[in-house]
Amino acid sequence: MANGTIAFDTLSTSGQISGTAVSVDADYLAYGAGKVWWSIITDGSGFHGSFNTTSLTDNGTGDYTITFNNDMANDNYSFPVGTVNTTANDVSIVNSRQTGLMQQKTITANSGSVVDSQPCCTIAGELA
């Protein structure tokens, strides 16, 4: 079986999903979808799930470096981050962002101390 290329400008459904035909511009699929995402296990031992990640480095309590499989085009990408609030006041911050990795920390909002939690992130932007 030969592999080939499918080229299209718009992707459309036959209307069987919602009863009404739906279409989306191919540029939206290429530029509007998350390029990298992850959810880290509380102890930093790995990912609950991830996409386009190569590795997770546990730099210490609540401090992680996530390396991307495919680099971003630049370091000006969007990165909404969050965490499962194990103490109801944990927040996730980004320490460093580069085209091929991000360093993410989780801190307690009241004291500013670094804590283990379950940080997560989705990155939107252009791949290199």
Protein backbone atom coordinates (compact mmCIF):
# COMPACT_ATOMS: atom_id res chain seq x y z
CA MET A 1 0.00 0.00 0.00
CA ALA A 2 1.39 3.39 -0.98
CA ASN A 3 1.29 6.40 1.32
CA GLY A 4 0.33 9.70 -0.19
CA THR A 5 -0.68 13.24 0.56
CA ILE A 6 -4.15 14.61 1.08
CA ALA A 7 -4.45 18.35 0.42
CA PHE A 8 -7.50 20.34 1.48
CA ASP A 9 -8.48 23.85 2.50
CA THR A 10 -11.60 22.99 4.50
CA LEU A 11 -12.57 19.89 6.44
CA SER A 12 -16.31 19.19 6.55
CA THR A 13 -18.51 16.65 8.28
CA SER A 14 -21.45 14.98 6.61
CA GLY A 15 -23.79 16.37 9.28
CA GLN A 16 -24.08 13.07 11.12
CA ILE A 17 -22.46 14.41 14.28
CA SER A 18 -24.97 17.10 15.15
CA GLY A 19 -27.46 16.81 12.32
CA THR A 20 -25.95 19.91 10.69
CA ALA A 21 -22.91 19.89 8.44
CA VAL A 22 -19.91 21.48 10.14
CA SER A 23 -16.72 22.70 8.49
CA VAL A 24 -13.43 24.10 9.74
CA ASP A 25 -10.67 25.89 7.86
CA ALA A 26 -7.47 23.85 7.61
CA ASP A 27 -5.44 26.83 8.90
CA TYR A 28 -7.41 26.65 12.16
CA LEU A 29 -6.38 23.02 12.57
CA ALA A 30 -2.74 23.86 11.91
CA TYR A 31 -2.49 27.01 14.03
CA GLY A 32 -5.35 26.83 16.51
CA ALA A 33 -4.75 23.44 18.08
CA GLY A 34 -2.55 22.72 21.09
CA LYS A 35 0.97 21.77 19.99
CA VAL A 36 2.20 20.42 23.32
CA TRP A 37 0.36 19.43 26.49
CA TRP A 38 1.08 17.57 29.71
CA SER A 39 -0.20 16.64 33.14
CA ILE A 40 2.47 15.63 35.66
CA ILE A 41 2.07 13.02 38.42
CA THR A 42 2.25 14.69 41.86
CA ASP A 43 5.64 13.20 42.81
CA GLY A 44 7.21 14.15 39.44
CA SER A 45 7.82 10.52 38.49
CA GLY A 46 6.20 10.93 35.06
CA PHE A 47 3.22 12.14 33.12
CA HIS A 48 -0.45 11.31 33.66
CA GLY A 49 -0.62 12.06 29.96
CA SER A 50 1.21 14.17 27.42
CA PHE A 51 1.52 15.06 23.76
CA ASN A 52 4.69 16.12 21.88
CA THR A 53 6.90 15.72 24.97
CA THR A 54 10.24 13.92 24.99
CA SER A 55 11.13 13.98 28.68
CA LEU A 56 10.28 15.23 32.14
CA THR A 57 13.06 16.25 34.52
CA ASP A 58 12.27 16.60 38.23
CA ASN A 59 14.56 19.45 39.35
CA GLY A 60 13.41 19.19 42.98
CA THR A 61 10.25 19.85 44.93
CA GLY A 62 7.59 21.25 42.57
CA ASP A 63 10.16 22.21 39.91
CA TYR A 64 10.01 20.46 36.52
CA THR A 65 11.56 20.82 33.07
CA ILE A 66 9.50 19.48 30.17
CA THR A 67 11.33 18.89 26.87
CA PHE A 68 9.36 18.99 23.61
CA ASN A 69 9.65 16.38 20.88
CA ASN A 70 9.09 19.00 18.15
CA ASP A 71 10.36 22.52 18.88
CA MET A 72 8.20 25.60 18.69
CA ALA A 73 9.09 28.22 16.03
CA ASN A 74 10.01 30.75 18.75
CA ASP A 75 9.62 31.29 22.49
CA ASN A 76 6.65 33.67 22.13
CA TYR A 77 4.04 30.92 22.37
CA SER A 78 0.99 30.94 24.60
CA PHE A 79 1.02 28.64 27.63
CA PRO A 80 -1.94 28.53 29.96
CA VAL A 81 -0.76 26.56 33.01
CA GLY A 82 -2.54 25.13 35.99
CA THR A 83 -2.32 22.62 38.78
CA VAL A 84 -4.56 20.29 40.73
CA ASN A 85 -4.81 22.26 43.95
CA THR A 86 -3.84 19.75 46.58
CA THR A 87 -3.92 22.44 49.27
CA ALA A 88 -6.59 24.60 47.60
CA ASN A 89 -4.11 27.42 47.05
CA ASP A 90 -1.32 26.01 44.83
CA VAL A 91 -0.45 27.96 41.70
CA SER A 92 1.73 27.04 38.75
CA ILE A 93 4.27 29.46 37.33
CA VAL A 94 6.63 29.29 34.35
CA ASN A 95 10.27 29.85 35.22
CA SER A 96 11.70 29.58 31.72
CA ARG A 97 10.36 29.03 28.23
CA GLN A 98 12.46 28.17 25.22
CA THR A 99 11.67 26.79 21.78
CA GLY A 100 12.33 23.22 22.92
CA LEU A 101 11.45 23.18 26.62
CA MET A 102 9.65 24.82 29.50
CA GLN A 103 10.45 24.95 33.20
CA GLN A 104 7.37 24.97 35.42
CA LYS A 105 7.14 25.39 39.21
CA THR A 106 4.25 24.95 41.60
CA ILE A 107 4.08 27.20 44.66
CA THR A 108 1.69 27.80 47.53
CA ALA A 109 0.09 31.21 47.04
CA ASN A 110 0.03 32.22 50.73
CA SER A 111 3.71 31.54 51.52
CA GLY A 112 5.42 31.36 48.14
CA SER A 113 7.05 28.05 49.07
CA VAL A 114 7.58 25.49 46.31
CA VAL A 115 5.34 22.41 46.68
CA ASP A 116 4.73 19.16 44.85
CA SER A 117 1.41 19.26 43.07
CA GLN A 118 0.05 18.15 39.70
CA PRO A 119 1.08 20.87 37.20
CA CYS A 120 -0.30 20.85 33.69
CA CYS A 121 0.00 23.01 30.60
CA THR A 122 -1.15 23.36 27.00
CA ILE A 123 0.99 25.24 24.52
CA ALA A 124 -0.46 27.04 21.52
CA GLY A 125 1.71 28.55 18.84
CA GLU A 126 3.60 27.68 15.69
CA LEU A 127 5.83 24.63 15.43
CA ALA A 128 9.31 25.07 13.94
